[in-house]
Protein backbone atom coordinates (compact mmCIF):
# COMPACT_ATOMS: atom_id res chain seq x y z
CA CYS A 1 114.26 137.36 95.08
CA ARG A 2 111.56 137.89 97.57
CA GLU A 3 111.15 136.34 101.03
CA THR A 4 108.04 134.81 102.13
CA LEU A 5 106.20 136.95 104.76
CA VAL A 6 107.57 136.80 108.54
CA SER A 7 104.57 134.66 110.93
CA SER A 8 106.25 136.31 114.32
CA GLN A 9 107.25 139.69 115.86
CA GLU A 10 110.74 138.21 116.57
CA GLU A 11 111.10 137.48 113.09
CA SER A 12 110.23 140.55 112.04
CA GLU A 13 112.63 142.35 114.27
CA LYS A 14 115.38 140.14 113.31
CA GLN A 15 114.54 140.92 109.58
CA ARG A 16 114.65 144.74 110.20
CA MET A 17 117.54 144.71 112.27
CA LYS A 18 119.36 142.79 109.23
CA ARG A 19 118.25 145.46 107.17
CA VAL A 20 119.50 148.05 109.41
CA GLU A 21 123.02 146.72 109.12
CA MET A 22 122.79 146.82 105.33
CA ASN A 23 122.14 150.18 106.03
CA ASP A 24 118.75 150.29 104.24
CA PRO A 25 117.20 153.77 104.65
CA VAL A 26 113.70 153.08 105.49
CA ALA A 27 114.82 150.60 108.21
CA LEU A 28 117.22 153.47 109.45
CA ARG A 29 114.55 155.47 109.42
CA GLU A 30 112.17 153.26 111.16
CA GLU A 31 114.61 151.68 113.81
CA GLY A 32 114.52 155.47 114.58
CA LYS A 33 111.01 155.91 114.96
CA ALA A 34 111.21 152.98 117.18
CA GLN A 35 113.65 154.48 119.66
CA GLN A 36 112.30 157.48 119.45
CA ARG A 37 108.54 155.78 120.75
CA LYS A 38 110.93 154.79 123.19
CA GLY A 39 112.25 157.94 124.45
CA HIS A 40 115.64 157.16 123.30
CA TYR A 41 116.02 160.45 121.06
CA GLU A 42 119.80 160.47 120.87
CA LYS A 43 119.69 157.09 119.07
CA ALA A 44 116.39 158.05 117.06
CA PHE A 45 119.05 160.79 116.06
CA GLU A 46 121.56 158.53 114.97
CA TYR A 47 119.56 156.60 113.14
CA TYR A 48 117.45 159.28 111.45
CA THR A 49 120.84 161.30 110.28
CA ASN A 50 122.39 158.14 108.54
CA ALA A 51 119.03 157.49 106.94
CA ALA A 52 118.92 161.33 105.84
CA LYS A 53 122.70 161.00 104.63
CA LEU A 54 121.29 158.05 102.27
CA GLY A 55 118.61 160.32 101.24
CA GLU A 56 115.82 159.58 102.76
CA LYS A 57 112.92 162.62 103.15
CA GLU A 58 111.31 161.29 106.04
CA ALA A 59 114.37 161.03 107.64
CA HIS A 60 115.45 164.48 107.19
CA PHE A 61 111.73 165.92 108.37
CA LEU A 62 111.91 163.64 111.74
CA LEU A 63 115.31 164.79 111.85
CA SER A 64 113.91 168.62 111.80
CA THR A 65 111.41 167.74 114.42
CA LEU A 66 114.26 167.03 116.93
CA TYR A 67 115.71 170.12 116.49
CA LEU A 68 112.95 172.10 116.81
CA ASN A 69 111.79 170.57 119.99
CA GLY A 70 115.57 169.66 121.35
CA HIS A 71 114.57 166.31 121.79
CA GLY A 72 118.03 164.11 121.57
CA VAL A 73 120.00 167.64 120.36
CA GLU A 74 120.42 171.13 121.43
CA LYS A 75 117.47 173.18 119.88
CA ASP A 76 118.55 174.50 116.51
CA ARG A 77 116.20 176.76 114.26
CA GLN A 78 118.58 176.77 111.50
CA LYS A 79 119.07 173.12 111.21
CA SER A 80 115.20 172.56 111.60
CA THR A 81 114.94 174.26 108.66
CA TYR A 82 117.34 173.14 106.40
CA HIS A 83 115.96 169.34 107.16
CA GLN A 84 112.58 170.79 106.35
CA GLU A 85 113.85 172.04 103.44
CA GLU A 86 115.92 168.83 102.23
CA ALA A 87 112.50 167.21 102.96
CA ALA A 88 110.58 169.23 101.09
CA ILE A 89 112.92 169.07 98.05
CA GLY A 90 112.66 165.19 98.26
CA GLY A 91 108.67 165.34 98.24
CA HIS A 92 107.84 165.29 101.32
CA PRO A 93 104.61 166.72 101.61
CA GLY A 94 104.56 167.60 105.43
CA ALA A 95 107.46 169.56 104.78
CA ARG A 96 106.34 171.29 102.12
CA TYR A 97 103.29 172.37 104.10
CA VAL A 98 105.34 173.62 107.49
CA LEU A 99 107.67 175.53 105.04
CA GLY A 100 104.65 176.98 102.97
CA GLN A 101 103.01 177.94 106.83
CA HIS A 102 106.24 179.41 107.85
CA GLU A 103 106.62 181.71 104.50
CA SER A 104 103.00 182.84 104.65
CA PHE A 105 103.59 183.67 108.81
CA PHE A 106 106.19 185.47 107.90
CA GLY A 107 104.56 187.56 104.81
CA ASN A 108 106.77 185.69 102.15
CA ALA A 109 103.89 184.62 100.18
CA ASP A 110 103.05 185.56 96.70
């Protein structure tokens, strides 16, 4: 059931795109990251959104950063917080940390 490891970058890219076409949430997130590294924030947003809809917690966290910084989308603190919360609920440590810092800053710490 397992495939052998790929031996070239081209083969790796083919496998990744095959997984993207099959709506693999991790592959969608990774394609979003590749698009973001190229500065294609709108495309990254699309891939992250699709991965997040499939429950990918890192994609939620990455969406929160796009909304926070206005990369590929209009800045929106509420949407940023929503995606941070979704990521934190999923167990994403970075999102949990950021939300904790936010709560502490606004005096909501116990």
